[in-house]
Structures are given as C-alpha cells and as structure tokens.
C-alpha cells in the first residue's frame, strides 16, 4: 500500500475473469465511482456472470478494486465493446484500467478482435486519456463520432455520448499502456 491507504503499484493485484458472485461487489464499486452510471444490481450480476469472458475483475486481498465490463458486438465479431470501466479511488494512478483492458484483449478467444469501441461523454477526461493511451499503445487510430444525443436518446436526462472506435490493431501482447 502507498500513502494513506492508496496503492502505489500493481503488485499483488490479481486480474481475473469475474464470476456471478462478484455482481454485488461490482454494483458497490460502480456506486462509489462517480460520475459512472449506476446500473441495477441485477445488471451487474449479469455482467459478471454472462460476460465474464469479455470482462475483468481486479482484486487485492479479496477486495474488488476494479472492474471492466465488455462484450463482443454480435453482428461484428471483430469488435469488442467496453461498456464500463470502474476503478476504486485507492487504485487510481497506477494504470490499473490500462492493464485490465490489455488483460481482456490478450485472451486467446478474442484473438480475432481488431477493433475496440466504447462511449464517452465529452467531459470525462479520465476515460478520454485512458482510451487515447490505449490507441497509442496498440499503434491504432482512434476515431470519435456522435452516437447518443442528450435530447434525442436520453430525453435530456444524461449527457451525450460519443462513440470511440480504436483500430484496427493486432494482438496487444507486446503493448505497454
């Protein structure tokens, strides 16, 4: 542990596929990571259970410090969509999110994935920085376009979301984020 209970390195953090039993811990983690959208606990249970092969949990001494949910887009098997990235405040600044993304992309069953997509609001600077670093690491182009409009899609209740697309890229196993 680093200063004040905050971690100073990735040492001893275990990255693994989540299980159904992680669902409530995921819900609690996301709830404690504003400005992330809190989904229902049922949704987080399904993310941890049904999408475990395309998601990752980061754990230290039994405590969930990070979670990324994702899935392969059904009509585009070469594209991994990252739904949400959550990192506990105590594990920020040590590139945990970057390492979790690479953990997913390096899984053998995802070897045919050559594009990554996600959505980001214009003011979420942490997410923009994360995915820009990932694009550089993968030596891939990052494109963004309007996707979900605040008024058209969210009835004014949520900020607009840009669609971010990274790729094409090869296996990221040599990448360093």
C-alpha atoms as a PDB file:
ATOM      1  CA  UNK A   1       0.000   0.000   0.000  1.00  0.00           C
ATOM      2  CA  UNK A   2       1.062   3.519  -0.667  1.00  0.00           C
ATOM      3  CA  UNK A   3       0.456   6.680   1.309  1.00  0.00           C
ATOM      4  CA  UNK A   4      -2.895   6.991   3.088  1.00  0.00           C
ATOM      5  CA  UNK A   5      -4.163   3.538   2.099  1.00  0.00           C
ATOM      6  CA  UNK A   6      -3.762   4.276  -1.592  1.00  0.00           C
ATOM      7  CA  UNK A   7      -1.892   1.773  -3.737  1.00  0.00           C
ATOM      8  CA  UNK A   8       1.431   2.731  -5.263  1.00  0.00           C
ATOM      9  CA  UNK A   9       1.798  -0.157  -7.727  1.00  0.00           C
ATOM     10  CA  UNK A  10       0.017  -3.011  -9.460  1.00  0.00           C
ATOM     11  CA  UNK A  11       1.971  -5.523  -7.387  1.00  0.00           C
ATOM     12  CA  UNK A  12      -0.211  -8.271  -5.895  1.00  0.00           C
ATOM     13  CA  UNK A  13      -3.360  -7.141  -7.733  1.00  0.00           C
ATOM     14  CA  UNK A  14      -4.948 -10.185  -9.359  1.00  0.00           C
ATOM     15  CA  UNK A  15      -6.690  -9.721 -12.718  1.00  0.00           C
ATOM     16  CA  UNK A  16      -9.246 -12.433 -13.409  1.00  0.00           C
ATOM     17  CA  UNK A  17     -12.488 -13.170 -15.166  1.00  0.00           C
ATOM     18  CA  UNK A  18     -15.375 -12.176 -12.910  1.00  0.00           C
ATOM     19  CA  UNK A  19     -17.967 -14.609 -11.609  1.00  0.00           C
ATOM     20  CA  UNK A  20     -21.630 -14.258 -10.771  1.00  0.00           C
ATOM     21  CA  UNK A  21     -20.625 -13.936  -7.118  1.00  0.00           C
ATOM     22  CA  UNK A  22     -18.818 -10.664  -7.966  1.00  0.00           C
ATOM     23  CA  UNK A  23     -22.041  -8.968  -9.054  1.00  0.00           C
ATOM     24  CA  UNK A  24     -22.854  -7.118  -5.841  1.00  0.00           C
ATOM     25  CA  UNK A  25     -19.221  -6.074  -5.330  1.00  0.00           C
ATOM     26  CA  UNK A  26     -19.303  -4.658  -8.876  1.00  0.00           C
ATOM     27  CA  UNK A  27     -22.507  -2.786  -8.038  1.00  0.00           C
ATOM     28  CA  UNK A  28     -20.900  -1.312  -4.895  1.00  0.00           C
ATOM     29  CA  UNK A  29     -17.701  -0.383  -6.758  1.00  0.00           C
ATOM     30  CA  UNK A  30     -19.576   1.426  -9.537  1.00  0.00           C
ATOM     31  CA  UNK A  31     -21.776   3.175  -6.980  1.00  0.00           C
ATOM     32  CA  UNK A  32     -18.594   4.535  -5.350  1.00  0.00           C
ATOM     33  CA  UNK A  33     -17.079   5.734  -8.646  1.00  0.00           C
ATOM     34  CA  UNK A  34     -18.959   8.875  -9.658  1.00  0.00           C
ATOM     35  CA  UNK A  35     -19.716  10.012 -12.305  1.00  0.00           C
ATOM     36  CA  UNK A  36     -20.269   6.433 -13.540  1.00  0.00           C
ATOM     37  CA  UNK A  37     -23.847   5.451 -14.227  1.00  0.00           C
ATOM     38  CA  UNK A  38     -25.087   3.029 -11.602  1.00  0.00           C
ATOM     39  CA  UNK A  39     -26.852   0.095 -13.205  1.00  0.00           C
ATOM     40  CA  UNK A  40     -29.202  -2.182 -11.312  1.00  0.00           C
ATOM     41  CA  UNK A  41     -27.559  -4.843  -9.180  1.00  0.00           C
ATOM     42  CA  UNK A  42     -29.232  -7.384 -11.465  1.00  0.00           C
ATOM     43  CA  UNK A  43     -27.429  -5.837 -14.458  1.00  0.00           C
ATOM     44  CA  UNK A  44     -24.083  -6.053 -12.644  1.00  0.00           C
ATOM     45  CA  UNK A  45     -24.775  -9.679 -11.744  1.00  0.00           C
ATOM     46  CA  UNK A  46     -25.392 -10.428 -15.434  1.00  0.00           C
ATOM     47  CA  UNK A  47     -22.269  -8.520 -16.478  1.00  0.00           C
ATOM     48  CA  UNK A  48     -20.143 -10.528 -14.033  1.00  0.00           C
ATOM     49  CA  UNK A  49     -21.805 -13.825 -14.943  1.00  0.00           C
ATOM     50  CA  UNK A  50     -22.814 -13.740 -18.606  1.00  0.00           C
ATOM     51  CA  UNK A  51     -19.990 -11.517 -19.880  1.00  0.00           C
ATOM     52  CA  UNK A  52     -17.145 -12.895 -17.767  1.00  0.00           C
ATOM     53  CA  UNK A  53     -15.113 -13.941 -20.811  1.00  0.00           C
ATOM     54  CA  UNK A  54     -15.017 -10.327 -22.040  1.00  0.00           C
ATOM     55  CA  UNK A  55     -14.845  -8.598 -18.662  1.00  0.00           C
ATOM     56  CA  UNK A  56     -12.204  -8.384 -15.948  1.00  0.00           C
ATOM     57  CA  UNK A  57     -12.133  -8.038 -12.176  1.00  0.00           C
ATOM     58  CA  UNK A  58      -9.129  -6.611 -10.311  1.00  0.00           C
ATOM     59  CA  UNK A  59      -8.781  -7.872  -6.776  1.00  0.00           C
ATOM     60  CA  UNK A  60      -6.407  -7.390  -3.882  1.00  0.00           C
ATOM     61  CA  UNK A  61      -6.783  -9.449  -0.697  1.00  0.00           C
ATOM     62  CA  UNK A  62     -10.421 -10.226  -1.507  1.00  0.00           C
ATOM     63  CA  UNK A  63     -11.353  -6.601  -2.246  1.00  0.00           C
ATOM     64  CA  UNK A  64     -12.627  -5.668  -5.712  1.00  0.00           C
ATOM     65  CA  UNK A  65     -10.575  -2.642  -6.816  1.00  0.00           C
ATOM     66  CA  UNK A  66     -11.515  -2.536 -10.472  1.00  0.00           C
ATOM     67  CA  UNK A  67     -13.970  -3.912 -12.988  1.00  0.00           C
ATOM     68  CA  UNK A  68     -14.355  -3.566 -16.736  1.00  0.00           C
ATOM     69  CA  UNK A  69     -17.416  -4.930 -18.478  1.00  0.00           C
ATOM     70  CA  UNK A  70     -17.407  -5.607 -22.173  1.00  0.00           C
ATOM     71  CA  UNK A  71     -18.829  -7.820 -24.876  1.00  0.00           C
ATOM     72  CA  UNK A  72     -18.194  -8.740 -28.482  1.00  0.00           C
ATOM     73  CA  UNK A  73     -20.774  -6.999 -30.662  1.00  0.00           C
ATOM     74  CA  UNK A  74     -22.964  -9.827 -32.018  1.00  0.00           C
ATOM     75  CA  UNK A  75     -23.045  -8.608 -35.637  1.00  0.00           C
ATOM     76  CA  UNK A  76     -19.348  -7.626 -35.608  1.00  0.00           C
ATOM     77  CA  UNK A  77     -17.238 -10.420 -34.071  1.00  0.00           C
ATOM     78  CA  UNK A  78     -14.062  -8.373 -34.689  1.00  0.00           C
ATOM     79  CA  UNK A  79     -15.226  -5.621 -32.306  1.00  0.00           C
ATOM     80  CA  UNK A  80     -15.082  -5.609 -28.514  1.00  0.00           C
ATOM     81  CA  UNK A  81     -17.381  -3.045 -26.899  1.00  0.00           C
ATOM     82  CA  UNK A  82     -16.272  -1.780 -23.493  1.00  0.00           C
ATOM     83  CA  UNK A  83     -19.383  -0.980 -21.505  1.00  0.00           C
ATOM     84  CA  UNK A  84     -17.946   0.430 -18.309  1.00  0.00           C
ATOM     85  CA  UNK A  85     -14.615   0.954 -16.557  1.00  0.00           C
ATOM     86  CA  UNK A  86     -14.605   1.299 -12.775  1.00  0.00           C
ATOM     87  CA  UNK A  87     -11.507   1.721 -10.609  1.00  0.00           C
ATOM     88  CA  UNK A  88     -11.613   2.281  -6.867  1.00  0.00           C
ATOM     89  CA  UNK A  89     -10.245   5.643  -5.787  1.00  0.00           C
ATOM     90  CA  UNK A  90      -7.489   3.884  -3.836  1.00  0.00           C
ATOM     91  CA  UNK A  91      -6.225   2.170  -7.027  1.00  0.00           C
ATOM     92  CA  UNK A  92      -6.184   5.162  -9.357  1.00  0.00           C
ATOM     93  CA  UNK A  93      -2.996   6.492 -10.911  1.00  0.00           C
ATOM     94  CA  UNK A  94      -1.236   3.122 -11.192  1.00  0.00           C
ATOM     95  CA  UNK A  95      -2.517   2.222 -14.705  1.00  0.00           C
ATOM     96  CA  UNK A  96      -4.872  -0.440 -13.403  1.00  0.00           C
ATOM     97  CA  UNK A  97      -7.541   0.350 -16.033  1.00  0.00           C
ATOM     98  CA  UNK A  98      -4.953   0.126 -18.824  1.00  0.00           C
ATOM     99  CA  UNK A  99      -3.749  -3.236 -17.558  1.00  0.00           C
ATOM    100  CA  UNK A 100      -7.309  -4.522 -17.234  1.00  0.00           C
ATOM    101  CA  UNK A 101      -8.058  -3.548 -20.856  1.00  0.00           C
ATOM    102  CA  UNK A 102      -4.948  -5.365 -22.072  1.00  0.00           C
ATOM    103  CA  UNK A 103      -5.875  -8.385 -19.944  1.00  0.00           C
ATOM    104  CA  UNK A 104      -9.157  -8.687 -21.843  1.00  0.00           C
ATOM    105  CA  UNK A 105      -7.619  -8.047 -25.269  1.00  0.00           C
ATOM    106  CA  UNK A 106      -4.887 -10.654 -24.685  1.00  0.00           C
ATOM    107  CA  UNK A 107      -7.317 -13.504 -24.082  1.00  0.00           C
ATOM    108  CA  UNK A 108      -6.847 -16.236 -26.714  1.00  0.00           C
ATOM    109  CA  UNK A 109     -10.562 -16.489 -27.543  1.00  0.00           C
ATOM    110  CA  UNK A 110     -10.511 -12.787 -28.533  1.00  0.00           C
ATOM    111  CA  UNK A 111      -7.588 -13.110 -30.954  1.00  0.00           C
ATOM    112  CA  UNK A 112      -9.821 -12.144 -33.899  1.00  0.00           C
ATOM    113  CA  UNK A 113     -10.809  -8.837 -32.242  1.00  0.00           C
ATOM    114  CA  UNK A 114      -9.140  -5.981 -34.117  1.00  0.00           C
ATOM    115  CA  UNK A 115     -11.375  -3.081 -33.040  1.00  0.00           C
ATOM    116  CA  UNK A 116     -12.453  -1.736 -29.667  1.00  0.00           C
ATOM    117  CA  UNK A 117     -15.413   0.569 -29.174  1.00  0.00           C
ATOM    118  CA  UNK A 118     -16.764   2.443 -26.185  1.00  0.00           C
ATOM    119  CA  UNK A 119     -18.810   5.553 -25.484  1.00  0.00           C
ATOM    120  CA  UNK A 120     -17.565   8.562 -23.542  1.00  0.00           C
ATOM    121  CA  UNK A 121     -19.174  11.841 -22.517  1.00  0.00           C
ATOM    122  CA  UNK A 122     -17.279  14.957 -23.613  1.00  0.00           C
ATOM    123  CA  UNK A 123     -16.316  15.921 -20.048  1.00  0.00           C
ATOM    124  CA  UNK A 124     -14.963  12.527 -18.911  1.00  0.00           C
ATOM    125  CA  UNK A 125     -11.284  13.403 -19.233  1.00  0.00           C
ATOM    126  CA  UNK A 126     -10.089  10.266 -17.419  1.00  0.00           C
ATOM    127  CA  UNK A 127     -11.791   7.994 -19.953  1.00  0.00           C
ATOM    128  CA  UNK A 128     -10.563  10.042 -22.916  1.00  0.00           C
ATOM    129  CA  UNK A 129      -7.000   9.806 -21.590  1.00  0.00           C
ATOM    130  CA  UNK A 130      -7.311   6.051 -20.967  1.00  0.00           C
ATOM    131  CA  UNK A 131      -8.532   5.238 -24.453  1.00  0.00           C
ATOM    132  CA  UNK A 132      -6.118   7.656 -26.170  1.00  0.00           C
ATOM    133  CA  UNK A 133      -3.247   5.889 -24.352  1.00  0.00           C
ATOM    134  CA  UNK A 134      -4.653   2.534 -25.414  1.00  0.00           C
ATOM    135  CA  UNK A 135      -4.789   3.603 -29.077  1.00  0.00           C
ATOM    136  CA  UNK A 136      -1.167   4.760 -28.919  1.00  0.00           C
ATOM    137  CA  UNK A 137      -0.143   1.528 -27.216  1.00  0.00           C
ATOM    138  CA  UNK A 138      -1.897  -0.552 -29.878  1.00  0.00           C
ATOM    139  CA  UNK A 139      -0.478   1.655 -32.667  1.00  0.00           C
ATOM    140  CA  UNK A 140      -4.037   2.118 -33.844  1.00  0.00           C
ATOM    141  CA  UNK A 141      -6.196   5.009 -34.920  1.00  0.00           C
ATOM    142  CA  UNK A 142      -8.778   6.476 -32.539  1.00  0.00           C
ATOM    143  CA  UNK A 143     -11.896   7.931 -34.115  1.00  0.00           C
ATOM    144  CA  UNK A 144     -14.834   9.508 -32.356  1.00  0.00           C
ATOM    145  CA  UNK A 145     -18.276  10.413 -33.620  1.00  0.00           C
ATOM    146  CA  UNK A 146     -21.611  11.488 -32.224  1.00  0.00           C
ATOM    147  CA  UNK A 147     -23.570   8.476 -31.044  1.00  0.00           C
ATOM    148  CA  UNK A 148     -26.194   9.065 -28.345  1.00  0.00           C
ATOM    149  CA  UNK A 149     -27.606  12.565 -28.136  1.00  0.00           C
ATOM    150  CA  UNK A 150     -28.640  14.093 -24.814  1.00  0.00           C
ATOM    151  CA  UNK A 151     -32.036  15.201 -26.095  1.00  0.00           C
ATOM    152  CA  UNK A 152     -32.822  12.617 -28.770  1.00  0.00           C
ATOM    153  CA  UNK A 153     -31.758   9.480 -26.909  1.00  0.00           C
ATOM    154  CA  UNK A 154     -31.723  10.459 -23.231  1.00  0.00           C
ATOM    155  CA  UNK A 155     -34.669  12.889 -23.072  1.00  0.00           C
ATOM    156  CA  UNK A 156     -32.293  15.476 -21.610  1.00  0.00           C
ATOM    157  CA  UNK A 157     -31.514  13.285 -18.585  1.00  0.00           C
ATOM    158  CA  UNK A 158     -27.936  12.254 -19.489  1.00  0.00           C
ATOM    159  CA  UNK A 159     -25.063  13.920 -21.309  1.00  0.00           C
ATOM    160  CA  UNK A 160     -24.446  12.993 -24.934  1.00  0.00           C
ATOM    161  CA  UNK A 161     -22.119  10.052 -25.534  1.00  0.00           C
ATOM    162  CA  UNK A 162     -19.501   9.960 -28.297  1.00  0.00           C
ATOM    163  CA  UNK A 163     -18.719   6.624 -29.919  1.00  0.00           C
ATOM    164  CA  UNK A 164     -14.977   5.970 -29.711  1.00  0.00           C
ATOM    165  CA  UNK A 165     -13.528   3.383 -32.102  1.00  0.00           C
ATOM    166  CA  UNK A 166      -9.929   2.168 -31.893  1.00  0.00           C
ATOM    167  CA  UNK A 167      -8.422   0.028 -34.612  1.00  0.00           C
ATOM    168  CA  UNK A 168      -7.590  -1.927 -36.498  1.00  0.00           C
ATOM    169  CA  UNK A 169      -4.917  -3.435 -34.265  1.00  0.00           C
ATOM    170  CA  UNK A 170      -3.067  -6.711 -33.921  1.00  0.00           C
ATOM    171  CA  UNK A 171      -2.615  -8.743 -30.772  1.00  0.00           C
ATOM    172  CA  UNK A 172      -1.769  -6.286 -27.984  1.00  0.00           C
ATOM    173  CA  UNK A 173       0.511  -8.746 -26.179  1.00  0.00           C
ATOM    174  CA  UNK A 174       3.551  -6.544 -26.857  1.00  0.00           C
ATOM    175  CA  UNK A 175       1.737  -3.309 -25.967  1.00  0.00           C
ATOM    176  CA  UNK A 176       2.590  -1.180 -22.974  1.00  0.00           C
ATOM    177  CA  UNK A 177      -0.003   1.351 -21.842  1.00  0.00           C
END
